[in-house]
Amino acid sequence: MIWVGLGGMLGAVSRYLFGLFIKSETFPYATGVVNIFGALVMGFIMGLAIKGQISPSLRLFVATGICGGFTTFSAFAWENLELLQQQRYGSFLAYTFGTLALGLAATAIGYLLAK
């Protein structure tokens, strides 16, 4: 639990700082980039874990802790709702499906890099 908590703290603080660095009033770039990058790291770490190349503690620290604190589904969902409320349907579709497709691709790439 300590590893998960420490990783979660680092991930959450990193997410906050990244959001300050990448500001956009027109499109939720920060959350999208964070979630896609987190998916890449998750795929890589889990690929290493499956091969037995990292310890269970490191997997918990990075995958559950850091990635869990860094990525954010709740912000993704809220930003999509805002886009719908603003009737920005093209941005909603691009963000929703772009994040899903790129997130899956990033996870696969991370996994393949670990192989």
PDB file of N, CA and C in Angstrom:
ATOM      1  N   MET A   1       0.819  -1.197   0.000  1.00  0.00           N
ATOM      2  CA  MET A   1       0.000   0.000   0.000  1.00  0.00           C
ATOM      3  C   MET A   1       0.861   1.258   0.000  1.00  0.00           C
ATOM      4  N   ILE A   2       2.004   1.178   0.643  1.00  0.00           N
ATOM      5  CA  ILE A   2       2.887   2.351   0.674  1.00  0.00           C
ATOM      6  C   ILE A   2       3.369   2.685  -0.733  1.00  0.00           C
ATOM      7  N   TRP A   3       3.766   1.654  -1.508  1.00  0.00           N
ATOM      8  CA  TRP A   3       4.228   1.894  -2.877  1.00  0.00           C
ATOM      9  C   TRP A   3       3.129   2.506  -3.736  1.00  0.00           C
ATOM     10  N   VAL A   4       1.926   1.978  -3.599  1.00  0.00           N
ATOM     11  CA  VAL A   4       0.801   2.507  -4.379  1.00  0.00           C
ATOM     12  C   VAL A   4       0.526   3.955  -3.978  1.00  0.00           C
ATOM     13  N   GLY A   5       0.525   4.232  -2.674  1.00  0.00           N
ATOM     14  CA  GLY A   5       0.269   5.586  -2.194  1.00  0.00           C
ATOM     15  C   GLY A   5       1.318   6.582  -2.645  1.00  0.00           C
ATOM     16  N   LEU A   6       2.584   6.192  -2.548  1.00  0.00           N
ATOM     17  CA  LEU A   6       3.660   7.084  -2.999  1.00  0.00           C
ATOM     18  C   LEU A   6       3.585   7.324  -4.503  1.00  0.00           C
ATOM     19  N   GLY A   7       3.345   6.260  -5.240  1.00  0.00           N
ATOM     20  CA  GLY A   7       3.206   6.405  -6.690  1.00  0.00           C
ATOM     21  C   GLY A   7       2.012   7.265  -7.055  1.00  0.00           C
ATOM     22  N   GLY A   8       0.896   7.051  -6.358  1.00  0.00           N
ATOM     23  CA  GLY A   8      -0.297   7.851  -6.614  1.00  0.00           C
ATOM     24  C   GLY A   8      -0.055   9.321  -6.359  1.00  0.00           C
ATOM     25  N   MET A   9       0.675   9.623  -5.274  1.00  0.00           N
ATOM     26  CA  MET A   9       0.992  11.019  -4.974  1.00  0.00           C
ATOM     27  C   MET A   9       1.851  11.622  -6.087  1.00  0.00           C
ATOM     28  N   LEU A  10       2.878  10.903  -6.514  1.00  0.00           N
ATOM     29  CA  LEU A  10       3.737  11.405  -7.587  1.00  0.00           C
ATOM     30  C   LEU A  10       2.956  11.584  -8.886  1.00  0.00           C
ATOM     31  N   GLY A  11       2.096  10.623  -9.190  1.00  0.00           N
ATOM     32  CA  GLY A  11       1.290  10.717 -10.400  1.00  0.00           C
ATOM     33  C   GLY A  11       0.327  11.888 -10.361  1.00  0.00           C
ATOM     34  N   ALA A  12      -0.343  12.081  -9.230  1.00  0.00           N
ATOM     35  CA  ALA A  12      -1.314  13.168  -9.112  1.00  0.00           C
ATOM     36  C   ALA A  12      -0.642  14.536  -9.186  1.00  0.00           C
ATOM     37  N   VAL A  13       0.490  14.688  -8.529  1.00  0.00           N
ATOM     38  CA  VAL A  13       1.218  15.958  -8.577  1.00  0.00           C
ATOM     39  C   VAL A  13       1.731  16.208 -10.000  1.00  0.00           C
ATOM     40  N   SER A  14       2.235  15.172 -10.649  1.00  0.00           N
ATOM     41  CA  SER A  14       2.699  15.309 -12.029  1.00  0.00           C
ATOM     42  C   SER A  14       1.552  15.714 -12.945  1.00  0.00           C
ATOM     43  N   ARG A  15       0.394  15.108 -12.744  1.00  0.00           N
ATOM     44  CA  ARG A  15      -0.789  15.435 -13.549  1.00  0.00           C
ATOM     45  C   ARG A  15      -1.177  16.899 -13.366  1.00  0.00           C
ATOM     46  N   TYR A  16      -1.168  17.370 -12.130  1.00  0.00           N
ATOM     47  CA  TYR A  16      -1.508  18.757 -11.833  1.00  0.00           C
ATOM     48  C   TYR A  16      -0.529  19.714 -12.518  1.00  0.00           C
ATOM     49  N   LEU A  17       0.767  19.438 -12.385  1.00  0.00           N
ATOM     50  CA  LEU A  17       1.783  20.299 -12.990  1.00  0.00           C
ATOM     51  C   LEU A  17       1.694  20.286 -14.514  1.00  0.00           C
ATOM     52  N   PHE A  18       1.414  19.121 -15.093  1.00  0.00           N
ATOM     53  CA  PHE A  18       1.266  19.037 -16.544  1.00  0.00           C
ATOM     54  C   PHE A  18       0.073  19.869 -17.002  1.00  0.00           C
ATOM     55  N   GLY A  19      -1.014  19.824 -16.233  1.00  0.00           N
ATOM     56  CA  GLY A  19      -2.188  20.628 -16.563  1.00  0.00           C
ATOM     57  C   GLY A  19      -1.907  22.116 -16.512  1.00  0.00           C
ATOM     58  N   LEU A  20      -1.032  22.550 -15.612  1.00  0.00           N
ATOM     59  CA  LEU A  20      -0.641  23.961 -15.558  1.00  0.00           C
ATOM     60  C   LEU A  20       0.208  24.342 -16.764  1.00  0.00           C
ATOM     61  N   PHE A  21       1.026  23.410 -17.218  1.00  0.00           N
ATOM     62  CA  PHE A  21       1.942  23.652 -18.322  1.00  0.00           C
ATOM     63  C   PHE A  21       1.215  23.693 -19.667  1.00  0.00           C
ATOM     64  N   ILE A  22       0.267  22.797 -19.862  1.00  0.00           N
ATOM     65  CA  ILE A  22      -0.483  22.707 -21.129  1.00  0.00           C
ATOM     66  C   ILE A  22      -1.887  23.262 -20.891  1.00  0.00           C
ATOM     67  N   LYS A  23      -2.075  24.495 -21.210  1.00  0.00           N
ATOM     68  CA  LYS A  23      -3.390  25.120 -21.036  1.00  0.00           C
ATOM     69  C   LYS A  23      -3.989  25.408 -22.405  1.00  0.00           C
ATOM     70  N   SER A  24      -5.259  25.072 -22.536  1.00  0.00           N
ATOM     71  CA  SER A  24      -5.970  25.360 -23.769  1.00  0.00           C
ATOM     72  C   SER A  24      -7.431  25.608 -23.434  1.00  0.00           C
ATOM     73  N   GLU A  25      -7.945  26.693 -23.925  1.00  0.00           N
ATOM     74  CA  GLU A  25      -9.359  27.019 -23.711  1.00  0.00           C
ATOM     75  C   GLU A  25     -10.246  26.373 -24.778  1.00  0.00           C
ATOM     76  N   THR A  26      -9.635  25.878 -25.850  1.00  0.00           N
ATOM     77  CA  THR A  26     -10.430  25.388 -26.971  1.00  0.00           C
ATOM     78  C   THR A  26     -10.558  23.871 -27.045  1.00  0.00           C
ATOM     79  N   PHE A  27      -9.619  23.138 -26.428  1.00  0.00           N
ATOM     80  CA  PHE A  27      -9.648  21.677 -26.519  1.00  0.00           C
ATOM     81  C   PHE A  27      -8.903  21.106 -25.320  1.00  0.00           C
ATOM     82  N   PRO A  28      -9.395  20.005 -24.746  1.00  0.00           N
ATOM     83  CA  PRO A  28      -8.755  19.428 -23.543  1.00  0.00           C
ATOM     84  C   PRO A  28      -7.494  18.619 -23.857  1.00  0.00           C
ATOM     85  N   TYR A  29      -6.478  19.291 -24.377  1.00  0.00           N
ATOM     86  CA  TYR A  29      -5.233  18.619 -24.757  1.00  0.00           C
ATOM     87  C   TYR A  29      -4.536  17.962 -23.569  1.00  0.00           C
ATOM     88  N   ALA A  30      -4.477  18.654 -22.446  1.00  0.00           N
ATOM     89  CA  ALA A  30      -3.704  18.149 -21.300  1.00  0.00           C
ATOM     90  C   ALA A  30      -4.205  16.778 -20.857  1.00  0.00           C
ATOM     91  N   THR A  31      -5.494  16.627 -20.664  1.00  0.00           N
ATOM     92  CA  THR A  31      -6.039  15.351 -20.214  1.00  0.00           C
ATOM     93  C   THR A  31      -5.821  14.269 -21.264  1.00  0.00           C
ATOM     94  N   GLY A  32      -6.025  14.620 -22.531  1.00  0.00           N
ATOM     95  CA  GLY A  32      -5.805  13.646 -23.596  1.00  0.00           C
ATOM     96  C   GLY A  32      -4.371  13.149 -23.642  1.00  0.00           C
ATOM     97  N   VAL A  33      -3.428  14.066 -23.588  1.00  0.00           N
ATOM     98  CA  VAL A  33      -2.013  13.684 -23.633  1.00  0.00           C
ATOM     99  C   VAL A  33      -1.641  12.860 -22.402  1.00  0.00           C
ATOM    100  N   VAL A  34      -2.106  13.292 -21.238  1.00  0.00           N
ATOM    101  CA  VAL A  34      -1.820  12.560 -19.999  1.00  0.00           C
ATOM    102  C   VAL A  34      -2.345  11.129 -20.087  1.00  0.00           C
ATOM    103  N   ASN A  35      -3.574  10.969 -20.540  1.00  0.00           N
ATOM    104  CA  ASN A  35      -4.168   9.637 -20.605  1.00  0.00           C
ATOM    105  C   ASN A  35      -3.470   8.750 -21.633  1.00  0.00           C
ATOM    106  N   ILE A  36      -3.084   9.312 -22.763  1.00  0.00           N
ATOM    107  CA  ILE A  36      -2.404   8.521 -23.790  1.00  0.00           C
ATOM    108  C   ILE A  36      -0.993   8.152 -23.328  1.00  0.00           C
ATOM    109  N   PHE A  37      -0.274   9.096 -22.737  1.00  0.00           N
ATOM    110  CA  PHE A  37       1.060   8.799 -22.223  1.00  0.00           C
ATOM    111  C   PHE A  37       0.982   7.758 -21.097  1.00  0.00           C
ATOM    112  N   GLY A  38      -0.008   7.911 -20.224  1.00  0.00           N
ATOM    113  CA  GLY A  38      -0.198   6.932 -19.151  1.00  0.00           C
ATOM    114  C   GLY A  38      -0.472   5.541 -19.700  1.00  0.00           C
ATOM    115  N   ALA A  39      -1.224   5.474 -20.798  1.00  0.00           N
ATOM    116  CA  ALA A  39      -1.509   4.183 -21.435  1.00  0.00           C
ATOM    117  C   ALA A  39      -0.228   3.564 -21.994  1.00  0.00           C
ATOM    118  N   LEU A  40       0.637   4.385 -22.576  1.00  0.00           N
ATOM    119  CA  LEU A  40       1.925   3.902 -23.082  1.00  0.00           C
ATOM    120  C   LEU A  40       2.770   3.325 -21.941  1.00  0.00           C
ATOM    121  N   VAL A  41       2.867   4.066 -20.851  1.00  0.00           N
ATOM    122  CA  VAL A  41       3.652   3.603 -19.699  1.00  0.00           C
ATOM    123  C   VAL A  41       3.042   2.325 -19.123  1.00  0.00           C
ATOM    124  N   MET A  42       1.713   2.284 -19.033  1.00  0.00           N
ATOM    125  CA  MET A  42       1.035   1.097 -18.504  1.00  0.00           C
ATOM    126  C   MET A  42       1.350  -0.130 -19.352  1.00  0.00           C
ATOM    127  N   GLY A  43       1.257   0.000 -20.663  1.00  0.00           N
ATOM    128  CA  GLY A  43       1.567  -1.127 -21.538  1.00  0.00           C
ATOM    129  C   GLY A  43       2.998  -1.594 -21.369  1.00  0.00           C
ATOM    130  N   PHE A  44       3.918  -0.642 -21.246  1.00  0.00           N
ATOM    131  CA  PHE A  44       5.333  -0.982 -21.084  1.00  0.00           C
ATOM    132  C   PHE A  44       5.574  -1.699 -19.756  1.00  0.00           C
ATOM    133  N   ILE A  45       5.060  -1.151 -18.681  1.00  0.00           N
ATOM    134  CA  ILE A  45       5.261  -1.744 -17.353  1.00  0.00           C
ATOM    135  C   ILE A  45       4.616  -3.123 -17.266  1.00  0.00           C
ATOM    136  N   MET A  46       3.417  -3.261 -17.782  1.00  0.00           N
ATOM    137  CA  MET A  46       2.750  -4.557 -17.711  1.00  0.00           C
ATOM    138  C   MET A  46       3.452  -5.579 -18.595  1.00  0.00           C
ATOM    139  N   GLY A  47       4.001  -5.128 -19.735  1.00  0.00           N
ATOM    140  CA  GLY A  47       4.783  -6.033 -20.568  1.00  0.00           C
ATOM    141  C   GLY A  47       6.013  -6.544 -19.831  1.00  0.00           C
ATOM    142  N   LEU A  48       6.700  -5.642 -19.128  1.00  0.00           N
ATOM    143  CA  LEU A  48       7.849  -6.055 -18.329  1.00  0.00           C
ATOM    144  C   LEU A  48       7.433  -6.980 -17.191  1.00  0.00           C
ATOM    145  N   ALA A  49       6.311  -6.679 -16.568  1.00  0.00           N
ATOM    146  CA  ALA A  49       5.832  -7.503 -15.450  1.00  0.00           C
ATOM    147  C   ALA A  49       5.484  -8.911 -15.919  1.00  0.00           C
ATOM    148  N   ILE A  50       4.843  -9.028 -17.065  1.00  0.00           N
ATOM    149  CA  ILE A  50       4.473 -10.337 -17.593  1.00  0.00           C
ATOM    150  C   ILE A  50       5.729 -11.171 -17.876  1.00  0.00           C
ATOM    151  N   LYS A  51       6.780 -10.511 -18.318  1.00  0.00           N
ATOM    152  CA  LYS A  51       8.036 -11.209 -18.601  1.00  0.00           C
ATOM    153  C   LYS A  51       8.851 -11.454 -17.335  1.00  0.00           C
ATOM    154  N   GLY A  52       8.388 -10.949 -16.212  1.00  0.00           N
ATOM    155  CA  GLY A  52       9.107 -11.144 -14.963  1.00  0.00           C
ATOM    156  C   GLY A  52      10.351 -10.284 -14.835  1.00  0.00           C
ATOM    157  N   GLN A  53      10.404  -9.181 -15.581  1.00  0.00           N
ATOM    158  CA  GLN A  53      11.591  -8.332 -15.580  1.00  0.00           C
ATOM    159  C   GLN A  53      11.544  -7.202 -14.556  1.00  0.00           C
ATOM    160  N   ILE A  54      10.415  -7.047 -13.886  1.00  0.00           N
ATOM    161  CA  ILE A  54      10.336  -6.065 -12.804  1.00  0.00           C
ATOM    162  C   ILE A  54       9.656  -6.732 -11.612  1.00  0.00           C
ATOM    163  N   SER A  55       9.906  -6.195 -10.454  1.00  0.00           N
ATOM    164  CA  SER A  55       9.339  -6.763  -9.239  1.00  0.00           C
ATOM    165  C   SER A  55       7.860  -6.398  -9.114  1.00  0.00           C
ATOM    166  N   PRO A  56       7.101  -7.196  -8.381  1.00  0.00           N
ATOM    167  CA  PRO A  56       5.699  -6.846  -8.130  1.00  0.00           C
ATOM    168  C   PRO A  56       5.559  -5.477  -7.449  1.00  0.00           C
ATOM    169  N   SER A  57       6.502  -5.120  -6.585  1.00  0.00           N
ATOM    170  CA  SER A  57       6.450  -3.813  -5.918  1.00  0.00           C
ATOM    171  C   SER A  57       6.614  -2.672  -6.912  1.00  0.00           C
ATOM    172  N   LEU A  58       7.530  -2.825  -7.868  1.00  0.00           N
ATOM    173  CA  LEU A  58       7.727  -1.781  -8.874  1.00  0.00           C
ATOM    174  C   LEU A  58       6.501  -1.677  -9.778  1.00  0.00           C
ATOM    175  N   ARG A  59       5.923  -2.820 -10.121  1.00  0.00           N
ATOM    176  CA  ARG A  59       4.703  -2.792 -10.937  1.00  0.00           C
ATOM    177  C   ARG A  59       3.594  -2.041 -10.205  1.00  0.00           C
ATOM    178  N   LEU A  60       3.399  -2.317  -8.938  1.00  0.00           N
ATOM    179  CA  LEU A  60       2.382  -1.605  -8.158  1.00  0.00           C
ATOM    180  C   LEU A  60       2.682  -0.113  -8.074  1.00  0.00           C
ATOM    181  N   PHE A  61       3.935   0.225  -7.828  1.00  0.00           N
ATOM    182  CA  PHE A  61       4.341   1.619  -7.710  1.00  0.00           C
ATOM    183  C   PHE A  61       4.055   2.393  -8.997  1.00  0.00           C
ATOM    184  N   VAL A  62       4.463   1.824 -10.140  1.00  0.00           N
ATOM    185  CA  VAL A  62       4.322   2.547 -11.400  1.00  0.00           C
ATOM    186  C   VAL A  62       2.919   2.394 -11.996  1.00  0.00           C
ATOM    187  N   ALA A  63       2.460   1.157 -12.179  1.00  0.00           N
ATOM    188  CA  ALA A  63       1.192   0.936 -12.878  1.00  0.00           C
ATOM    189  C   ALA A  63      -0.014   1.390 -12.056  1.00  0.00           C
ATOM    190  N   THR A  64      -0.111   0.906 -10.841  1.00  0.00           N
ATOM    191  CA  THR A  64      -1.270   1.258 -10.013  1.00  0.00           C
ATOM    192  C   THR A  64      -1.120   2.650  -9.418  1.00  0.00           C
ATOM    193  N   GLY A  65       0.081   2.957  -8.889  1.00  0.00           N
ATOM    194  CA  GLY A  65       0.292   4.228  -8.217  1.00  0.00           C
ATOM    195  C   GLY A  65       0.454   5.396  -9.175  1.00  0.00           C
ATOM    196  N   ILE A  66       1.585   5.440  -9.868  1.00  0.00           N
ATOM    197  CA  ILE A  66       1.870   6.594 -10.729  1.00  0.00           C
ATOM    198  C   ILE A  66       0.846   6.725 -11.854  1.00  0.00           C
ATOM    199  N   CYS A  67       0.625   5.646 -12.606  1.00  0.00           N
ATOM    200  CA  CYS A  67      -0.329   5.735 -13.717  1.00  0.00           C
ATOM    201  C   CYS A  67      -1.748   6.017 -13.216  1.00  0.00           C
ATOM    202  N   GLY A  68      -2.105   5.407 -12.090  1.00  0.00           N
ATOM    203  CA  GLY A  68      -3.433   5.644 -11.531  1.00  0.00           C
ATOM    204  C   GLY A  68      -3.632   7.081 -11.094  1.00  0.00           C
ATOM    205  N   GLY A  69      -2.591   7.694 -10.515  1.00  0.00           N
ATOM    206  CA  GLY A  69      -2.687   9.083 -10.094  1.00  0.00           C
ATOM    207  C   GLY A  69      -2.506  10.066 -11.236  1.00  0.00           C
ATOM    208  N   PHE A  70      -1.776   9.666 -12.261  1.00  0.00           N
ATOM    209  CA  PHE A  70      -1.451  10.555 -13.378  1.00  0.00           C
ATOM    210  C   PHE A  70      -2.593  10.642 -14.387  1.00  0.00           C
ATOM    211  N   THR A  71      -3.159   9.508 -14.732  1.00  0.00           N
ATOM    212  CA  THR A  71      -4.243   9.501 -15.723  1.00  0.00           C
ATOM    213  C   THR A  71      -5.560   9.797 -15.027  1.00  0.00           C
ATOM    214  N   THR A  72      -6.543  10.195 -15.816  1.00  0.00           N
ATOM    215  CA  THR A  72      -7.789  10.620 -15.180  1.00  0.00           C
ATOM    216  C   THR A  72      -8.994  10.398 -16.082  1.00  0.00           C
ATOM    217  N   PHE A  73      -9.762   9.391 -15.757  1.00  0.00           N
ATOM    218  CA  PHE A  73     -10.985   9.143 -16.513  1.00  0.00           C
ATOM    219  C   PHE A  73     -12.066  10.150 -16.141  1.00  0.00           C
ATOM    220  N   SER A  74     -12.103  10.555 -14.887  1.00  0.00           N
ATOM    221  CA  SER A  74     -13.151  11.486 -14.450  1.00  0.00           C
ATOM    222  C   SER A  74     -13.019  12.828 -15.168  1.00  0.00           C
ATOM    223  N   ALA A  75     -11.799  13.337 -15.338  1.00  0.00           N
ATOM    224  CA  ALA A  75     -11.621  14.593 -16.074  1.00  0.00           C
ATOM    225  C   ALA A  75     -11.989  14.401 -17.544  1.00  0.00           C
ATOM    226  N   PHE A  76     -11.628  13.268 -18.103  1.00  0.00           N
ATOM    227  CA  PHE A  76     -11.989  12.942 -19.484  1.00  0.00           C
ATOM    228  C   PHE A  76     -13.514  12.971 -19.655  1.00  0.00           C
ATOM    229  N   ALA A  77     -14.227  12.339 -18.736  1.00  0.00           N
ATOM    230  CA  ALA A  77     -15.682  12.300 -18.816  1.00  0.00           C
ATOM    231  C   ALA A  77     -16.284  13.703 -18.666  1.00  0.00           C
ATOM    232  N   TRP A  78     -15.769  14.482 -17.727  1.00  0.00           N
ATOM    233  CA  TRP A  78     -16.286  15.832 -17.503  1.00  0.00           C
ATOM    234  C   TRP A  78     -16.042  16.723 -18.725  1.00  0.00           C
ATOM    235  N   GLU A  79     -14.848  16.653 -19.292  1.00  0.00           N
ATOM    236  CA  GLU A  79     -14.535  17.476 -20.452  1.00  0.00           C
ATOM    237  C   GLU A  79     -15.393  17.090 -21.649  1.00  0.00           C
ATOM    238  N   ASN A  80     -15.724  15.809 -21.780  1.00  0.00           N
ATOM    239  CA  ASN A  80     -16.630  15.391 -22.843  1.00  0.00           C
ATOM    240  C   ASN A  80     -18.025  15.953 -22.625  1.00  0.00           C
ATOM    241  N   LEU A  81     -18.484  15.931 -21.377  1.00  0.00           N
ATOM    242  CA  LEU A  81     -19.801  16.504 -21.070  1.00  0.00           C
ATOM    243  C   LEU A  81     -19.826  17.999 -21.396  1.00  0.00           C
ATOM    244  N   GLU A  82     -18.763  18.705 -21.056  1.00  0.00           N
ATOM    245  CA  GLU A  82     -18.688  20.132 -21.381  1.00  0.00           C
ATOM    246  C   GLU A  82     -18.750  20.366 -22.887  1.00  0.00           C
ATOM    247  N   LEU A  83     -18.027  19.549 -23.655  1.00  0.00           N
ATOM    248  CA  LEU A  83     -18.066  19.691 -25.105  1.00  0.00           C
ATOM    249  C   LEU A  83     -19.476  19.462 -25.640  1.00  0.00           C
ATOM    250  N   LEU A  84     -20.179  18.488 -25.092  1.00  0.00           N
ATOM    251  CA  LEU A  84     -21.561  18.240 -25.512  1.00  0.00           C
ATOM    252  C   LEU A  84     -22.470  19.400 -25.130  1.00  0.00           C
ATOM    253  N   GLN A  85     -22.307  19.918 -23.922  1.00  0.00           N
ATOM    254  CA  GLN A  85     -23.129  21.045 -23.476  1.00  0.00           C
ATOM    255  C   GLN A  85     -22.884  22.290 -24.333  1.00  0.00           C
ATOM    256  N   GLN A  86     -21.681  22.438 -24.838  1.00  0.00           N
ATOM    257  CA  GLN A  86     -21.335  23.566 -25.710  1.00  0.00           C
ATOM    258  C   GLN A  86     -21.700  23.288 -27.168  1.00  0.00           C
ATOM    259  N   GLN A  87     -22.284  22.137 -27.403  1.00  0.00           N
ATOM    260  CA  GLN A  87     -22.685  21.689 -28.736  1.00  0.00           C
ATOM    261  C   GLN A  87     -21.507  21.658 -29.714  1.00  0.00           C
ATOM    262  N   ARG A  88     -20.361  21.276 -29.198  1.00  0.00           N
ATOM    263  CA  ARG A  88     -19.149  21.139 -30.013  1.00  0.00           C
ATOM    264  C   ARG A  88     -18.979  19.659 -30.343  1.00  0.00           C
ATOM    265  N   TYR A  89     -19.844  19.177 -31.192  1.00  0.00           N
ATOM    266  CA  TYR A  89     -19.942  17.752 -31.465  1.00  0.00           C
ATOM    267  C   TYR A  89     -18.714  17.196 -32.182  1.00  0.00           C
ATOM    268  N   GLY A  90     -18.133  17.972 -33.066  1.00  0.00           N
ATOM    269  CA  GLY A  90     -16.920  17.511 -33.744  1.00  0.00           C
ATOM    270  C   GLY A  90     -15.760  17.331 -32.772  1.00  0.00           C
ATOM    271  N   SER A  91     -15.598  18.305 -31.874  1.00  0.00           N
ATOM    272  CA  SER A  91     -14.548  18.192 -30.861  1.00  0.00           C
ATOM    273  C   SER A  91     -14.830  17.026 -29.921  1.00  0.00           C
ATOM    274  N   PHE A  92     -16.100  16.838 -29.570  1.00  0.00           N
ATOM    275  CA  PHE A  92     -16.479  15.709 -28.713  1.00  0.00           C
ATOM    276  C   PHE A  92     -16.090  14.384 -29.359  1.00  0.00           C
ATOM    277  N   LEU A  93     -16.436  14.214 -30.624  1.00  0.00           N
ATOM    278  CA  LEU A  93     -16.123  12.963 -31.322  1.00  0.00           C
ATOM    279  C   LEU A  93     -14.614  12.770 -31.473  1.00  0.00           C
ATOM    280  N   ALA A  94     -13.909  13.840 -31.825  1.00  0.00           N
ATOM    281  CA  ALA A  94     -12.457  13.734 -31.984  1.00  0.00           C
ATOM    282  C   ALA A  94     -11.791  13.376 -30.659  1.00  0.00           C
ATOM    283  N   TYR A  95     -12.226  14.010 -29.588  1.00  0.00           N
ATOM    284  CA  TYR A  95     -11.626  13.771 -28.275  1.00  0.00           C
ATOM    285  C   TYR A  95     -11.950  12.375 -27.759  1.00  0.00           C
ATOM    286  N   THR A  96     -13.205  11.991 -27.843  1.00  0.00           N
ATOM    287  CA  THR A  96     -13.625  10.690 -27.326  1.00  0.00           C
ATOM    288  C   THR A  96     -12.957   9.546 -28.092  1.00  0.00           C
ATOM    289  N   PHE A  97     -13.136   9.537 -29.394  1.00  0.00           N
ATOM    290  CA  PHE A  97     -12.622   8.423 -30.181  1.00  0.00           C
ATOM    291  C   PHE A  97     -11.114   8.524 -30.401  1.00  0.00           C
ATOM    292  N   GLY A  98     -10.589   9.747 -30.467  1.00  0.00           N
ATOM    293  CA  GLY A  98      -9.150   9.918 -30.580  1.00  0.00           C
ATOM    294  C   GLY A  98      -8.423   9.414 -29.339  1.00  0.00           C
ATOM    295  N   THR A  99      -8.955   9.759 -28.168  1.00  0.00           N
ATOM    296  CA  THR A  99      -8.347   9.297 -26.927  1.00  0.00           C
ATOM    297  C   THR A  99      -8.429   7.782 -26.815  1.00  0.00           C
ATOM    298  N   LEU A 100      -9.573   7.213 -27.163  1.00  0.00           N
ATOM    299  CA  LEU A 100      -9.733   5.764 -27.094  1.00  0.00           C
ATOM    300  C   LEU A 100      -8.774   5.061 -28.053  1.00  0.00           C
ATOM    301  N   ALA A 101      -8.765   5.489 -29.307  1.00  0.00           N
ATOM    302  CA  ALA A 101      -7.913   4.836 -30.303  1.00  0.00           C
ATOM    303  C   ALA A 101      -6.432   5.025 -29.985  1.00  0.00           C
ATOM    304  N   LEU A 102      -6.040   6.257 -29.665  1.00  0.00           N
ATOM    305  CA  LEU A 102      -4.628   6.509 -29.369  1.00  0.00           C
ATOM    306  C   LEU A 102      -4.207   5.857 -28.054  1.00  0.00           C
ATOM    307  N   GLY A 103      -5.111   5.812 -27.088  1.00  0.00           N
ATOM    308  CA  GLY A 103      -4.805   5.150 -25.823  1.00  0.00           C
ATOM    309  C   GLY A 103      -4.565   3.657 -26.007  1.00  0.00           C
ATOM    310  N   LEU A 104      -5.420   3.023 -26.786  1.00  0.00           N
ATOM    311  CA  LEU A 104      -5.223   1.594 -27.070  1.00  0.00           C
ATOM    312  C   LEU A 104      -3.935   1.359 -27.854  1.00  0.00           C
ATOM    313  N   ALA A 105      -3.690   2.213 -28.834  1.00  0.00           N
ATOM    314  CA  ALA A 105      -2.463   2.078 -29.623  1.00  0.00           C
ATOM    315  C   ALA A 105      -1.230   2.300 -28.747  1.00  0.00           C
ATOM    316  N   ALA A 106      -1.274   3.302 -27.877  1.00  0.00           N
ATOM    317  CA  ALA A 106      -0.143   3.577 -26.997  1.00  0.00           C
ATOM    318  C   ALA A 106       0.113   2.417 -26.043  1.00  0.00           C
ATOM    319  N   THR A 107      -0.957   1.808 -25.525  1.00  0.00           N
ATOM    320  CA  THR A 107      -0.796   0.657 -24.638  1.00  0.00           C
ATOM    321  C   THR A 107      -0.134  -0.497 -25.385  1.00  0.00           C
ATOM    322  N   ALA A 108      -0.583  -0.731 -26.595  1.00  0.00           N
ATOM    323  CA  ALA A 108       0.010  -1.801 -27.410  1.00  0.00           C
ATOM    324  C   ALA A 108       1.468  -1.508 -27.733  1.00  0.00           C
ATOM    325  N   ILE A 109       1.782  -0.269 -28.065  1.00  0.00           N
ATOM    326  CA  ILE A 109       3.168   0.109 -28.367  1.00  0.00           C
ATOM    327  C   ILE A 109       4.050  -0.073 -27.135  1.00  0.00           C
ATOM    328  N   GLY A 110       3.554   0.377 -25.981  1.00  0.00           N
ATOM    329  CA  GLY A 110       4.310   0.196 -24.750  1.00  0.00           C
ATOM    330  C   GLY A 110       4.577  -1.270 -24.461  1.00  0.00           C
ATOM    331  N   TYR A 111       3.571  -2.088 -24.662  1.00  0.00           N
ATOM    332  CA  TYR A 111       3.717  -3.526 -24.450  1.00  0.00           C
ATOM    333  C   TYR A 111       4.747  -4.121 -25.400  1.00  0.00           C
ATOM    334  N   LEU A 112       4.666  -3.717 -26.669  1.00  0.00           N
ATOM    335  CA  LEU A 112       5.617  -4.224 -27.669  1.00  0.00           C
ATOM    336  C   LEU A 112       7.042  -3.746 -27.383  1.00  0.00           C
ATOM    337  N   LEU A 113       7.200  -2.542 -26.891  1.00  0.00           N
ATOM    338  CA  LEU A 113       8.522  -2.042 -26.520  1.00  0.00           C
ATOM    339  C   LEU A 113       9.127  -2.876 -25.382  1.00  0.00           C
ATOM    340  N   ALA A 114       8.274  -3.338 -24.494  1.00  0.00           N
ATOM    341  CA  ALA A 114       8.758  -4.156 -23.376  1.00  0.00           C
ATOM    342  C   ALA A 114       9.185  -5.540 -23.829  1.00  0.00           C
ATOM    343  N   LYS A 115       8.618  -6.009 -24.924  1.00  0.00           N
ATOM    344  CA  LYS A 115       8.980  -7.336 -25.440  1.00  0.00           C
ATOM    345  C   LYS A 115      10.363  -7.265 -26.015  1.00  0.00           C
TER     346      LYS A 115
END
